[in-house]
Amino acid sequence: MSATADHQETVPEILRRLTGPGGAFELVREDVLGARTQVFAHRERSLADVVAASVRHGERDYIVAGDERISFTEHANRVASLARVLEQEYGVGKGDRVALLAANNPGWVIAFWATVSLGAIAVAYNSWWTAPEIARGIEHTRPKVVLADARRAAKVDGSGVPLLTFEKDVPDLVRRHPGAPLPKPEIDEDDPAVIMYTSGTSGRPKGAVHTHRNLLAVIGYLRYNNVLAAELGDPVAPEDRRHLLSLPLFHIASLHNLAVPRLMDGGTVVMYQGRFEVDRVLRLIERERVTNWGAVPTMANRLIEHGDLSGYDLSSLTSFALASAPSTPAFHERLRAVLPVARDGLANSYGLTECCTGAAVGTPADLAVAPDTLGRPVVGVDLEVRDPAGRPLPEGQEGEICLRSPYVMLGYWEDPRATAQSIRADRWLHTGDIGMVEDGRLRLTSRRSDLILRGGENVYPAEIESVLSEHPGVRECLVTGVPHPDLGQEVAAVVVIDAGSGLNEETLTAFVSERLAYYKVPSRWRVTDESLPRNATGKVIRREVHA
C-alpha cells in the first residue's frame, strides 16, 4: 500500500487517487450514444491497437494449450497472417461477420483477434448447438465465412457459406501470408466487435452486440484491478499471473474477461480442453502453476463431490472466483472446506452477457461481512434498483436491477424491439433481475421472469432455493411456479438429493416451513437423484425441468 512518511493511505483514498482528476484511471463523463456515461479518460481506441501493443510482451507465453505454447510475438504474427487471408481471399472488411464455431482451442482466439483487427465482427456461436440451431445462427448473422473445428464443420455443410476448419484449412492458408503486417483500419469506439449469444435458458437466444468500447472498458477495468491489487500488497505481478480458461470461449467470462485482457497485461492463458474432469483440471493447475481460476458453480460442486484434494499441489492458486450462476453462502462454506484458496481468496460476482463483465463483485472481504452479497458495483458502473414505474429505490427496498456503464452492449443484433425493451431512456440496461442494495452491496433476489404470483403474493424462487440449499442432503434444486385453478400459481420444487439421505417431501416441507412464510413453502415436490440440466455456462435450463 502506498504511504507517505507520516500517513498510510486508506483504501478509499487509494481509489480516489487512481480514479480522480489526473489519476492513472481517471473517470470522466462523456457522451456515449447519447448518454452521459462514466468512462476511463486514458484508454485505447480500438482492439486493433491492443493487438499492435501486445508485441511488447515478446516471447512470454500468451496461450498454453496442451503441448502448444504461443508467445505474444507468435500470436501477433498469426493474427496478421489470418487477417490477410480473411481480407484478401474471403473479402472480409469492416462490419462483415466472421463466425467462430469450435471447442476451445488457440485458433479460436487467433481468429477472434484477426477478425476484430479488420474492423469486422466476430460471431461466437455456441459450440453445443445442433445443426438446426447453427443454421438459424447463420441465417441470423449472415457471416462471410465460418471457422469451425472438424467436429462441428459437418454440421455447417450445405449452408452456402465458405467454411474453414481450424485443424487444416486455417494453418494452410496462414502459411500463404508469412510476415503480413497487422491491419490498421479506421475503427470507431462504438463500432461492433463481437456478437455473443445469450445463454437461452428461456426462449430463443438473442445476439448481444458488443463494441470496441465495451471490450476496451473491460480491459481498463481489469488493468485498474491489477494496479489496485499491487497498491494493496499483492506480490504477484499481472504479467506473472497464469489464468485457467476452463469455460467456453463463447462466454464473456472466458473471452472478454480472460483471453482479451491478457493481451494487454501480459499474463498467460492456460487453456483447459475437453470435458471437465476434476483430476485433469487439478493436474493442469499443478503442472502450469495456475494462479487465477474463475469457475461456474457446477465445476465447484464437482470439486466438493470429489472430496479430499490434498493429493494435488494447488499452492500456486491465489484467487478463485464464482461466476455465471447464483451460489449460496451454504455452498461457499462447503467449497471452503475442500479448496484451500477458497478459504480466504473466494470471490463472487453478478453479471450478464449484455454487460460484458461483472457489474458487481463480492471480494473475500465483502463475503466475510455479508455472505449472501454479490458485492459492490465495479468501477465505471452506475447501478440503481428501480420500482415498476422506473423510479430509483433507496437501500433495503427490492426492485429491478438497472445498469449504465461503458460495458453495456450496443443492443441485440437486428432486433430493435428486444433492444428497446432492455436498453431504455438514457441507456439504462434493465436486467430483469430483482435485488436490493444493502450497505452499498448488491443482493440478488430472483429473475423477474421467474417470479411466482401465488394468490396475489409475490414469491421469488431464489429465496426458496437458497433455503433448500442449506439442507446438507440437498445437492441442487430448482423452484418454479405451476398453474393452480384457484391461486393462479402454486410453488413447485425439484430437489436433487444425495443417495441414501432419506429425504422426502415431508421432511423437506418441514425444513422449509421452519424458515419461510407459509405461502413460500412448495406445495408440489419432485425429489430425484438425477442432476438438473445445465447449459455451457453452468446455468440451469429451466424450461427443461419439469416439476
Protein backbone atom coordinates (compact mmCIF):
# COMPACT_ATOMS: atom_id res chain seq x y z
CA MET A 1 0.00 0.00 0.00
CA SER A 2 1.30 3.44 -0.90
CA ALA A 3 2.23 5.57 2.07
CA THR A 4 3.85 8.84 2.96
CA ALA A 5 6.26 9.20 5.83
CA ASP A 6 3.51 10.02 8.31
CA HIS A 7 0.39 8.63 6.69
CA GLN A 8 -0.65 5.29 5.26
CA GLU A 9 -3.38 5.62 2.66
CA THR A 10 -6.76 4.07 3.30
CA VAL A 11 -8.48 2.06 0.56
CA PRO A 12 -10.94 4.91 -0.22
CA GLU A 13 -8.01 7.30 -0.55
CA ILE A 14 -6.26 4.97 -2.98
CA LEU A 15 -9.43 4.65 -5.04
CA ARG A 16 -9.81 8.43 -5.21
CA ARG A 17 -6.19 8.86 -6.23
CA LEU A 18 -6.43 6.28 -9.01
CA THR A 19 -9.78 7.40 -10.46
CA GLY A 20 -9.78 11.11 -9.60
CA PRO A 21 -8.55 14.02 -11.73
CA GLY A 22 -5.07 13.30 -13.05
CA GLY A 23 -5.15 9.69 -11.85
CA ALA A 24 -3.92 6.81 -13.98
CA PHE A 25 -7.54 5.58 -14.22
CA GLU A 26 -9.28 8.94 -14.15
CA LEU A 27 -13.04 8.59 -14.61
CA VAL A 28 -14.86 11.23 -16.62
CA ARG A 29 -18.38 11.62 -18.00
CA GLU A 30 -18.58 11.54 -21.78
CA ASP A 31 -21.35 11.22 -24.31
CA VAL A 32 -21.76 7.56 -25.22
CA LEU A 33 -24.51 7.01 -27.77
CA GLY A 34 -26.44 9.95 -26.39
CA ALA A 35 -25.99 9.29 -22.66
CA ARG A 36 -23.54 10.80 -20.20
CA THR A 37 -21.56 7.75 -19.12
CA GLN A 38 -18.57 7.11 -16.87
CA VAL A 39 -15.51 6.19 -18.93
CA PHE A 40 -11.78 6.00 -18.39
CA ALA A 41 -10.17 9.19 -19.67
CA HIS A 42 -6.99 7.34 -20.71
CA ARG A 43 -7.83 4.36 -22.96
CA GLU A 44 -7.10 2.64 -26.23
CA ARG A 45 -9.49 3.40 -29.09
CA SER A 46 -9.78 0.02 -30.84
CA LEU A 47 -8.98 -3.64 -30.32
CA ALA A 48 -6.60 -3.42 -33.28
CA ASP A 49 -4.50 -1.08 -31.11
CA VAL A 50 -4.41 -3.76 -28.40
CA VAL A 51 -3.01 -6.35 -30.80
CA ALA A 52 -0.37 -3.94 -32.06
CA ALA A 53 0.70 -3.07 -28.49
CA SER A 54 0.87 -6.73 -27.40
CA VAL A 55 4.16 -7.41 -29.16
CA ARG A 56 5.93 -5.61 -26.31
CA HIS A 57 5.42 -8.78 -24.25
CA GLY A 58 7.69 -10.60 -26.70
CA GLU A 59 8.39 -14.28 -26.10
CA ARG A 60 6.34 -14.64 -22.93
CA ASP A 61 3.59 -17.24 -23.12
CA TYR A 62 0.22 -15.85 -24.15
CA ILE A 63 -1.60 -19.17 -24.68
CA VAL A 64 -0.73 -22.59 -23.31
CA ALA A 65 -2.92 -25.44 -24.61
CA GLY A 66 -1.71 -28.99 -24.14
CA ASP A 67 1.78 -29.18 -25.60
CA GLU A 68 1.36 -25.97 -27.61
CA ARG A 69 2.80 -22.70 -26.33
CA ILE A 70 2.16 -19.49 -28.26
CA SER A 71 4.13 -16.38 -27.37
CA PHE A 72 2.79 -12.86 -27.75
CA THR A 73 5.10 -12.33 -30.73
CA GLU A 74 3.99 -15.53 -32.46
CA HIS A 75 0.35 -14.73 -31.72
CA ALA A 76 0.62 -11.29 -33.35
CA ASN A 77 2.25 -12.87 -36.42
CA ARG A 78 -0.54 -15.45 -36.77
CA VAL A 79 -3.21 -12.79 -36.29
CA ALA A 80 -1.69 -10.65 -39.03
CA SER A 81 -1.44 -13.58 -41.44
CA LEU A 82 -5.00 -14.79 -40.80
CA ALA A 83 -6.33 -11.24 -41.11
CA ARG A 84 -4.67 -11.04 -44.53
CA VAL A 85 -6.33 -14.34 -45.51
CA LEU A 86 -9.77 -13.17 -44.41
CA GLU A 87 -9.40 -9.83 -46.14
CA GLN A 88 -7.81 -10.83 -49.45
CA GLU A 89 -9.21 -14.32 -50.04
CA TYR A 90 -12.68 -14.01 -48.46
CA GLY A 91 -13.40 -10.31 -48.84
CA VAL A 92 -13.86 -9.68 -45.14
CA GLY A 93 -13.97 -5.98 -44.31
CA LYS A 94 -15.33 -3.58 -41.75
CA GLY A 95 -18.73 -4.61 -40.44
CA ASP A 96 -18.68 -8.08 -42.02
CA ARG A 97 -19.31 -11.06 -39.80
CA VAL A 98 -16.93 -13.97 -39.24
CA ALA A 99 -18.49 -16.91 -37.39
CA LEU A 100 -16.47 -18.95 -34.88
CA LEU A 101 -17.81 -22.42 -34.10
CA ALA A 102 -15.47 -24.67 -32.14
CA ALA A 103 -14.48 -26.10 -28.82
CA ASN A 104 -11.80 -24.13 -27.01
CA ASN A 105 -8.56 -24.05 -28.98
CA PRO A 106 -5.83 -21.45 -29.63
CA GLY A 107 -7.02 -20.93 -33.21
CA TRP A 108 -10.37 -19.63 -31.90
CA VAL A 109 -8.57 -16.83 -30.04
CA ILE A 110 -6.34 -16.02 -33.00
CA ALA A 111 -9.35 -15.90 -35.33
CA PHE A 112 -11.15 -13.55 -32.95
CA TRP A 113 -8.24 -11.09 -32.92
CA ALA A 114 -7.77 -11.34 -36.69
CA THR A 115 -11.44 -10.54 -37.23
CA VAL A 116 -11.69 -7.53 -34.91
CA SER A 117 -8.34 -6.21 -36.20
CA LEU A 118 -10.04 -5.77 -39.58
CA GLY A 119 -12.98 -3.90 -38.08
CA ALA A 120 -15.13 -6.97 -38.79
CA ILE A 121 -17.43 -8.63 -36.24
CA ALA A 122 -16.58 -11.94 -34.59
CA VAL A 123 -19.74 -14.02 -34.06
CA ALA A 124 -19.31 -16.52 -31.24
CA TYR A 125 -21.61 -19.45 -31.96
CA ASN A 126 -22.36 -21.85 -29.14
CA SER A 127 -20.29 -24.95 -29.82
CA TRP A 128 -23.03 -27.14 -28.31
CA TRP A 129 -25.63 -26.04 -30.85
CA THR A 130 -27.31 -28.62 -33.04
CA ALA A 131 -27.28 -28.35 -36.83
CA PRO A 132 -30.68 -26.57 -36.92
CA GLU A 133 -29.51 -24.08 -34.28
CA ILE A 134 -26.34 -23.40 -36.27
CA ALA A 135 -28.44 -22.89 -39.39
CA ARG A 136 -30.54 -20.31 -37.52
CA GLY A 137 -27.37 -18.57 -36.35
CA ILE A 138 -26.03 -18.39 -39.90
CA GLU A 139 -29.34 -17.09 -41.18
CA HIS A 140 -29.41 -14.53 -38.37
CA THR A 141 -25.91 -13.07 -38.78
CA ARG A 142 -25.07 -13.91 -42.43
CA PRO A 143 -21.32 -14.40 -41.97
CA LYS A 144 -18.85 -14.02 -44.83
CA VAL A 145 -17.04 -17.13 -43.62
CA VAL A 146 -17.36 -19.76 -40.87
CA LEU A 147 -14.31 -21.03 -38.99
CA ALA A 148 -15.06 -24.33 -37.28
CA ASP A 149 -13.33 -27.34 -35.81
CA ALA A 150 -13.68 -30.65 -37.63
CA ARG A 151 -16.34 -31.97 -35.29
CA ARG A 152 -18.68 -29.03 -35.94
CA ALA A 153 -17.78 -28.46 -39.59
CA ALA A 154 -20.01 -31.34 -40.64
CA LYS A 155 -22.98 -29.50 -39.15
CA VAL A 156 -22.29 -26.44 -41.33
CA ASP A 157 -22.02 -28.27 -44.66
CA GLY A 158 -24.67 -27.13 -47.08
CA SER A 159 -25.07 -23.67 -45.61
CA GLY A 160 -23.65 -21.99 -48.70
CA VAL A 161 -21.18 -20.02 -46.55
CA PRO A 162 -17.44 -20.64 -47.07
CA LEU A 163 -16.17 -22.97 -44.34
CA LEU A 164 -12.64 -23.20 -42.95
CA THR A 165 -11.50 -25.79 -40.44
CA PHE A 166 -9.13 -24.86 -37.65
CA GLU A 167 -7.26 -28.15 -37.94
CA LYS A 168 -6.30 -27.98 -41.62
CA ASP A 169 -7.62 -25.05 -43.68
CA VAL A 170 -6.59 -22.20 -41.38
CA PRO A 171 -2.95 -23.32 -40.95
CA ASP A 172 -2.59 -23.96 -44.71
CA LEU A 173 -4.00 -20.54 -45.59
CA VAL A 174 -1.95 -18.70 -42.98
CA ARG A 175 1.25 -20.15 -44.43
CA ARG A 176 0.47 -18.31 -47.68
CA HIS A 177 0.93 -14.95 -45.97
CA PRO A 178 4.04 -15.07 -43.78
CA GLY A 179 5.21 -11.76 -42.38
CA ALA A 180 1.97 -9.93 -43.16
CA PRO A 181 1.64 -6.57 -41.38
CA LEU A 182 -1.05 -6.06 -38.77
CA PRO A 183 -4.11 -4.26 -40.20
CA LYS A 184 -4.63 -0.58 -39.46
CA PRO A 185 -8.32 0.02 -40.14
CA GLU A 186 -10.36 3.08 -39.27
CA ILE A 187 -12.43 1.95 -36.28
CA ASP A 188 -14.79 3.95 -34.08
CA GLU A 189 -15.07 3.03 -30.41
CA ASP A 190 -18.76 2.26 -30.81
CA ASP A 191 -18.33 0.03 -33.86
CA PRO A 192 -19.49 -3.56 -33.25
CA ALA A 193 -16.73 -6.06 -32.47
CA VAL A 194 -18.49 -9.19 -31.19
CA ILE A 195 -21.88 -10.84 -31.32
CA MET A 196 -22.29 -13.15 -28.36
CA TYR A 197 -25.48 -15.08 -27.83
CA THR A 198 -27.38 -15.03 -24.59
CA SER A 199 -27.48 -18.39 -22.84
CA GLY A 200 -31.05 -19.02 -23.89
CA THR A 201 -32.41 -20.57 -20.71
CA SER A 202 -35.82 -19.25 -21.79
CA GLY A 203 -36.83 -18.61 -25.38
CA ARG A 204 -34.57 -18.39 -28.43
CA PRO A 205 -31.08 -16.92 -27.82
CA LYS A 206 -30.52 -13.29 -28.85
CA GLY A 207 -27.27 -11.92 -30.23
CA ALA A 208 -25.81 -9.31 -27.86
CA VAL A 209 -23.65 -6.87 -29.83
CA HIS A 210 -20.51 -5.77 -28.01
CA THR A 211 -18.44 -2.86 -29.28
CA HIS A 212 -14.77 -2.00 -29.24
CA ARG A 213 -15.62 0.44 -26.43
CA ASN A 214 -17.19 -2.36 -24.41
CA LEU A 215 -14.16 -4.64 -24.54
CA LEU A 216 -11.66 -1.80 -24.11
CA ALA A 217 -13.58 -0.75 -20.99
CA VAL A 218 -13.27 -4.30 -19.62
CA ILE A 219 -9.53 -4.16 -20.28
CA GLY A 220 -9.33 -0.82 -18.48
CA TYR A 221 -11.30 -2.13 -15.51
CA LEU A 222 -9.07 -5.19 -15.13
CA ARG A 223 -5.90 -3.11 -15.50
CA TYR A 224 -7.27 -0.90 -12.74
CA ASN A 225 -7.80 -4.01 -10.61
CA ASN A 226 -4.19 -5.03 -11.22
CA VAL A 227 -2.87 -1.66 -10.03
CA LEU A 228 -5.21 -1.62 -7.04
CA ALA A 229 -4.10 -5.12 -6.04
CA ALA A 230 -0.45 -4.04 -6.23
CA GLU A 231 -1.20 -0.97 -4.11
CA LEU A 232 -2.76 -3.28 -1.51
CA GLY A 233 0.27 -5.54 -1.38
CA ASP A 234 -0.39 -8.30 -3.94
CA PRO A 235 3.07 -9.81 -4.58
CA VAL A 236 2.15 -11.37 -7.95
CA ALA A 237 2.67 -9.01 -10.91
CA PRO A 238 -0.02 -9.11 -13.65
CA GLU A 239 2.42 -10.49 -16.22
CA ASP A 240 3.27 -13.35 -13.85
CA ARG A 241 -0.33 -14.45 -13.37
CA ARG A 242 -1.44 -17.64 -15.07
CA HIS A 243 -5.18 -17.75 -15.69
CA LEU A 244 -7.03 -21.02 -16.14
CA LEU A 245 -9.53 -20.82 -19.01
CA SER A 246 -11.99 -23.62 -18.31
CA LEU A 247 -15.26 -22.13 -19.62
CA PRO A 248 -16.25 -21.91 -23.30
CA LEU A 249 -14.83 -19.04 -25.35
CA PHE A 250 -18.36 -18.14 -26.48
CA HIS A 251 -18.93 -16.90 -22.92
CA ILE A 252 -17.90 -13.45 -21.64
CA ALA A 253 -16.10 -14.97 -18.65
CA SER A 254 -13.56 -16.64 -20.94
CA LEU A 255 -13.28 -14.24 -23.87
CA HIS A 256 -13.92 -10.73 -22.56
CA ASN A 257 -12.64 -11.19 -19.02
CA LEU A 258 -9.78 -13.63 -19.51
CA ALA A 259 -8.36 -14.05 -23.02
CA VAL A 260 -8.79 -10.43 -24.15
CA PRO A 261 -7.25 -8.61 -21.12
CA ARG A 262 -4.18 -10.86 -21.09
CA LEU A 263 -3.11 -9.44 -24.41
CA MET A 264 -2.75 -6.10 -22.65
CA ASP A 265 -1.35 -7.07 -19.23
CA GLY A 266 0.98 -9.86 -20.39
CA GLY A 267 -0.50 -12.65 -18.29
CA THR A 268 -0.83 -16.21 -19.57
CA VAL A 269 -3.97 -18.06 -20.67
CA VAL A 270 -3.78 -21.71 -19.64
CA MET A 271 -6.48 -23.36 -21.75
CA TYR A 272 -8.24 -26.45 -20.44
CA GLN A 273 -9.61 -28.54 -23.30
CA GLY A 274 -12.19 -31.29 -23.34
CA ARG A 275 -14.88 -32.41 -20.93
CA PHE A 276 -14.44 -31.08 -17.40
CA GLU A 277 -12.85 -33.70 -15.18
CA VAL A 278 -11.65 -32.85 -11.68
CA ASP A 279 -8.43 -34.85 -11.83
CA ARG A 280 -7.40 -33.46 -15.23
CA VAL A 281 -8.05 -29.85 -14.32
CA LEU A 282 -6.23 -30.09 -10.99
CA ARG A 283 -3.23 -31.78 -12.63
CA LEU A 284 -3.18 -28.92 -15.16
CA ILE A 285 -3.17 -26.38 -12.31
CA GLU A 286 -0.25 -28.25 -10.76
CA ARG A 287 1.76 -28.52 -13.97
CA GLU A 288 1.27 -24.94 -15.19
CA ARG A 289 1.28 -23.30 -11.74
CA VAL A 290 -2.06 -21.60 -12.34
CA THR A 291 -2.65 -18.57 -10.10
CA ASN A 292 -6.21 -17.49 -11.04
CA TRP A 293 -9.29 -19.57 -11.73
CA GLY A 294 -12.84 -18.46 -12.47
CA ALA A 295 -15.39 -21.28 -12.43
CA VAL A 296 -19.12 -21.84 -12.56
CA PRO A 297 -20.79 -23.42 -9.51
CA THR A 298 -21.18 -26.72 -11.38
CA MET A 299 -17.40 -27.06 -11.52
CA ALA A 300 -17.05 -26.04 -7.91
CA ASN A 301 -19.68 -28.60 -6.94
CA ARG A 302 -17.65 -31.33 -8.62
CA LEU A 303 -14.66 -30.29 -6.53
CA ILE A 304 -16.84 -30.64 -3.45
CA GLU A 305 -18.09 -34.06 -4.55
CA HIS A 306 -14.52 -35.17 -5.23
CA GLY A 307 -13.77 -34.52 -1.56
CA ASP A 308 -10.18 -34.61 -0.33
CA LEU A 309 -7.96 -32.52 -2.65
CA SER A 310 -4.82 -32.82 -0.54
CA GLY A 311 -3.22 -35.09 -3.14
CA TYR A 312 -2.88 -32.13 -5.52
CA ASP A 313 -0.41 -29.27 -5.26
CA LEU A 314 -2.70 -26.24 -5.52
CA SER A 315 -0.32 -23.88 -3.74
CA SER A 316 0.04 -21.65 -6.82
CA LEU A 317 -3.66 -20.68 -6.72
CA THR A 318 -4.15 -17.24 -5.21
CA SER A 319 -7.65 -16.44 -6.48
CA PHE A 320 -10.82 -18.45 -7.11
CA ALA A 321 -13.97 -16.74 -8.36
CA LEU A 322 -17.51 -18.00 -8.96
CA ALA A 323 -19.43 -16.58 -11.90
CA SER A 324 -22.28 -17.10 -14.38
CA ALA A 325 -24.79 -18.68 -11.99
CA PRO A 326 -26.01 -17.95 -8.45
CA SER A 327 -24.46 -19.70 -5.48
CA THR A 328 -25.40 -19.64 -1.82
CA PRO A 329 -23.44 -18.99 1.39
CA ALA A 330 -24.01 -22.63 2.36
CA PHE A 331 -22.42 -23.70 -0.94
CA HIS A 332 -19.48 -21.36 -0.31
CA GLU A 333 -18.86 -22.99 3.07
CA ARG A 334 -18.81 -26.45 1.53
CA LEU A 335 -16.34 -25.21 -1.08
CA ARG A 336 -14.08 -23.63 1.54
CA ALA A 337 -13.93 -26.95 3.34
CA VAL A 338 -12.21 -28.67 0.39
CA LEU A 339 -10.42 -25.92 -1.59
CA PRO A 340 -7.73 -24.06 0.35
CA VAL A 341 -7.73 -20.91 -1.81
CA ALA A 342 -11.48 -20.51 -1.23
CA ARG A 343 -10.95 -20.01 2.50
CA ASP A 344 -9.59 -16.50 2.06
CA GLY A 345 -9.49 -15.96 -1.73
CA LEU A 346 -13.06 -16.69 -2.81
CA ALA A 347 -14.87 -14.01 -4.82
CA ASN A 348 -18.42 -13.89 -6.18
CA SER A 349 -19.92 -11.67 -8.84
CA TYR A 350 -23.03 -10.52 -10.64
CA GLY A 351 -23.02 -10.11 -14.38
CA LEU A 352 -24.81 -10.91 -17.61
CA THR A 353 -23.95 -11.23 -21.27
CA GLU A 354 -25.48 -7.84 -22.00
CA CYS A 355 -22.97 -6.14 -19.69
CA CYS A 356 -19.67 -7.74 -20.85
CA THR A 357 -18.15 -8.06 -17.37
CA GLY A 358 -19.18 -8.37 -13.75
CA ALA A 359 -21.38 -5.40 -12.85
CA ALA A 360 -20.76 -6.08 -9.15
CA VAL A 361 -18.05 -8.11 -7.46
CA GLY A 362 -18.06 -9.53 -3.96
CA THR A 363 -14.48 -9.68 -2.70
CA PRO A 364 -13.39 -12.09 0.05
CA ALA A 365 -13.72 -9.16 2.48
CA ASP A 366 -17.29 -8.48 1.28
CA LEU A 367 -18.27 -12.14 1.67
CA ALA A 368 -16.83 -12.22 5.17
CA VAL A 369 -19.18 -9.39 6.20
CA ALA A 370 -22.21 -10.32 4.08
CA PRO A 371 -22.06 -13.96 2.92
CA ASP A 372 -25.02 -13.63 0.53
CA THR A 373 -23.77 -10.49 -1.21
CA LEU A 374 -22.74 -10.11 -4.83
CA GLY A 375 -20.58 -7.17 -3.86
CA ARG A 376 -20.31 -3.54 -4.84
CA PRO A 377 -20.69 -2.08 -8.35
CA VAL A 378 -17.37 -2.19 -10.17
CA VAL A 379 -15.58 0.95 -11.30
CA GLY A 380 -17.48 2.70 -14.09
CA VAL A 381 -20.88 1.16 -13.29
CA ASP A 382 -23.92 3.18 -12.32
CA LEU A 383 -26.34 0.81 -10.57
CA GLU A 384 -29.89 1.54 -9.46
CA VAL A 385 -32.66 -0.63 -8.07
CA ARG A 386 -35.96 0.63 -9.52
CA ASP A 387 -39.66 0.13 -8.91
CA PRO A 388 -42.10 -0.95 -11.68
CA ALA A 389 -42.56 2.70 -12.70
CA GLY A 390 -38.81 3.08 -13.23
CA ARG A 391 -38.17 5.18 -10.12
CA PRO A 392 -34.95 4.58 -8.15
CA LEU A 393 -35.49 2.92 -4.78
CA PRO A 394 -33.49 3.51 -1.59
CA GLU A 395 -31.27 0.90 0.02
CA GLY A 396 -33.09 -2.03 1.54
CA GLN A 397 -36.01 -1.97 -0.92
CA GLU A 398 -36.44 -4.63 -3.57
CA GLY A 399 -36.79 -3.86 -7.26
CA GLU A 400 -35.34 -4.36 -10.71
CA ILE A 401 -31.57 -4.03 -11.09
CA CYS A 402 -30.68 -1.41 -13.72
CA LEU A 403 -27.19 -0.62 -15.03
CA ARG A 404 -25.46 2.05 -17.07
CA SER A 405 -21.78 1.80 -17.97
CA PRO A 406 -19.35 1.59 -20.89
CA TYR A 407 -19.65 -2.21 -20.53
CA VAL A 408 -23.33 -2.26 -21.61
CA MET A 409 -23.89 -3.76 -25.05
CA LEU A 410 -24.86 -1.78 -28.13
CA GLY A 411 -28.07 -3.83 -28.41
CA TYR A 412 -29.34 -7.11 -29.83
CA TRP A 413 -28.36 -7.92 -33.40
CA GLU A 414 -31.14 -6.88 -35.78
CA ASP A 415 -33.73 -6.97 -33.00
CA PRO A 416 -34.77 -3.38 -32.27
CA ARG A 417 -37.82 -4.46 -30.27
CA ALA A 418 -35.82 -6.57 -27.81
CA THR A 419 -33.17 -3.84 -27.64
CA ALA A 420 -35.77 -1.21 -26.76
CA GLN A 421 -37.16 -3.45 -24.03
CA SER A 422 -33.71 -3.92 -22.46
CA ILE A 423 -31.96 -0.58 -23.04
CA ARG A 424 -34.23 2.31 -22.21
CA ALA A 425 -34.02 6.05 -21.60
CA ASP A 426 -30.51 7.43 -21.13
CA ARG A 427 -29.06 3.99 -21.99
CA TRP A 428 -30.01 2.26 -18.75
CA LEU A 429 -29.95 -1.52 -19.11
CA HIS A 430 -32.98 -3.11 -17.45
CA THR A 431 -31.66 -6.51 -16.46
CA GLY A 432 -34.92 -8.19 -15.48
CA ASP A 433 -33.22 -9.30 -12.25
CA ILE A 434 -34.71 -8.48 -8.86
CA GLY A 435 -32.50 -7.41 -5.99
CA MET A 436 -31.67 -4.79 -3.42
CA VAL A 437 -28.70 -2.78 -2.20
CA GLU A 438 -27.70 -3.14 1.44
CA ASP A 439 -24.78 -1.12 2.87
CA GLY A 440 -23.65 -0.40 -0.68
CA ARG A 441 -23.62 -4.08 -1.66
CA LEU A 442 -25.93 -5.82 -4.12
CA ARG A 443 -28.03 -8.82 -3.14
CA LEU A 444 -29.86 -10.73 -5.86
CA THR A 445 -33.34 -11.99 -5.06
CA SER A 446 -34.56 -13.55 -8.29
CA ARG A 447 -35.05 -13.30 -12.00
CA ARG A 448 -38.12 -11.23 -12.77
CA SER A 449 -39.16 -13.78 -15.38
CA ASP A 450 -39.13 -16.47 -12.67
CA LEU A 451 -41.47 -14.55 -10.35
CA ILE A 452 -44.30 -16.69 -8.98
CA LEU A 453 -47.63 -14.95 -8.32
CA ARG A 454 -49.40 -17.08 -5.72
CA GLY A 455 -52.77 -15.82 -4.59
CA GLY A 456 -51.68 -12.20 -5.04
CA GLU A 457 -48.39 -12.70 -3.20
CA ASN A 458 -45.02 -12.38 -4.94
CA VAL A 459 -42.82 -15.42 -4.43
CA TYR A 460 -39.20 -15.34 -5.58
CA PRO A 461 -37.71 -18.76 -6.37
CA ALA A 462 -34.14 -17.78 -5.42
CA GLU A 463 -35.18 -17.22 -1.81
CA ILE A 464 -36.65 -20.73 -1.52
CA GLU A 465 -33.76 -22.30 -3.43
CA SER A 466 -31.34 -20.64 -1.02
CA VAL A 467 -33.11 -22.18 1.96
CA LEU A 468 -33.28 -25.63 0.39
CA SER A 469 -29.57 -25.47 -0.44
CA GLU A 470 -28.81 -25.13 3.26
CA HIS A 471 -30.04 -28.68 3.90
CA PRO A 472 -26.97 -30.95 3.97
CA GLY A 473 -28.74 -33.66 1.94
CA VAL A 474 -29.69 -31.38 -0.95
CA ARG A 475 -27.26 -31.35 -3.88
CA GLU A 476 -29.15 -28.83 -6.01
CA CYS A 477 -32.67 -27.61 -6.54
CA LEU A 478 -34.99 -25.53 -8.67
CA VAL A 479 -38.19 -23.77 -7.66
CA THR A 480 -40.80 -22.70 -10.18
CA GLY A 481 -44.44 -21.72 -10.47
CA VAL A 482 -47.04 -24.09 -11.89
CA PRO A 483 -50.66 -23.33 -12.76
CA HIS A 484 -53.26 -23.59 -9.99
CA PRO A 485 -57.03 -23.28 -10.59
CA ASP A 486 -57.60 -21.07 -7.53
CA LEU A 487 -54.33 -19.37 -6.63
CA GLY A 488 -53.17 -18.70 -10.19
CA GLN A 489 -49.85 -20.38 -9.45
CA GLU A 490 -48.54 -22.67 -6.77
CA VAL A 491 -44.94 -23.23 -5.74
CA ALA A 492 -43.25 -26.36 -7.04
CA ALA A 493 -39.76 -27.63 -6.23
CA VAL A 494 -37.47 -30.12 -7.92
CA VAL A 495 -34.86 -31.30 -5.43
CA VAL A 496 -31.79 -33.38 -6.25
CA ILE A 497 -30.70 -35.32 -3.17
CA ASP A 498 -27.67 -37.35 -2.13
CA ALA A 499 -28.21 -41.07 -2.43
CA GLY A 500 -29.14 -42.57 0.91
CA SER A 501 -30.03 -39.24 2.50
CA GLY A 502 -33.56 -40.43 3.25
CA LEU A 503 -35.01 -37.04 2.33
CA ASN A 504 -38.60 -36.95 1.16
CA GLU A 505 -41.42 -34.49 0.61
CA GLU A 506 -42.46 -34.46 4.27
CA THR A 507 -39.01 -33.74 5.69
CA LEU A 508 -38.32 -31.04 3.09
CA THR A 509 -41.68 -29.38 3.73
CA ALA A 510 -40.94 -29.28 7.45
CA PHE A 511 -37.46 -27.89 6.80
CA VAL A 512 -38.70 -25.03 4.60
CA SER A 513 -41.75 -24.34 6.83
CA GLU A 514 -39.40 -23.60 9.69
CA ARG A 515 -37.63 -20.91 7.70
CA LEU A 516 -40.14 -19.25 5.36
CA ALA A 517 -43.70 -17.92 5.41
CA TYR A 518 -46.39 -20.48 4.59
CA TYR A 519 -47.11 -19.15 1.11
CA LYS A 520 -43.48 -19.67 0.11
CA VAL A 521 -43.43 -23.34 1.07
CA PRO A 522 -43.66 -25.58 -2.01
CA SER A 523 -46.91 -27.49 -2.28
CA ARG A 524 -45.62 -29.72 -5.08
CA TRP A 525 -42.36 -31.65 -4.91
CA ARG A 526 -40.28 -33.86 -7.14
CA VAL A 527 -37.40 -35.50 -5.28
CA THR A 528 -34.80 -37.16 -7.50
CA ASP A 529 -31.15 -38.22 -7.69
CA GLU A 530 -30.81 -37.02 -11.32
CA SER A 531 -28.83 -33.79 -11.81
CA LEU A 532 -30.57 -30.71 -13.21
CA PRO A 533 -29.87 -29.93 -16.89
CA ARG A 534 -27.41 -27.08 -17.38
CA ASN A 535 -26.10 -25.14 -20.34
CA ALA A 536 -22.46 -24.50 -21.21
CA THR A 537 -22.19 -21.60 -18.77
CA GLY A 538 -23.45 -23.62 -15.82
CA LYS A 539 -26.95 -22.16 -15.67
CA VAL A 540 -29.90 -24.46 -15.12
CA ILE A 541 -32.04 -24.74 -18.27
CA ARG A 542 -35.30 -24.03 -16.52
CA ARG A 543 -37.53 -24.87 -19.48
CA GLU A 544 -36.21 -28.46 -19.44
CA VAL A 545 -37.07 -29.02 -15.77
CA HIS A 546 -40.49 -30.47 -15.14
CA ALA A 547 -41.97 -30.22 -11.68
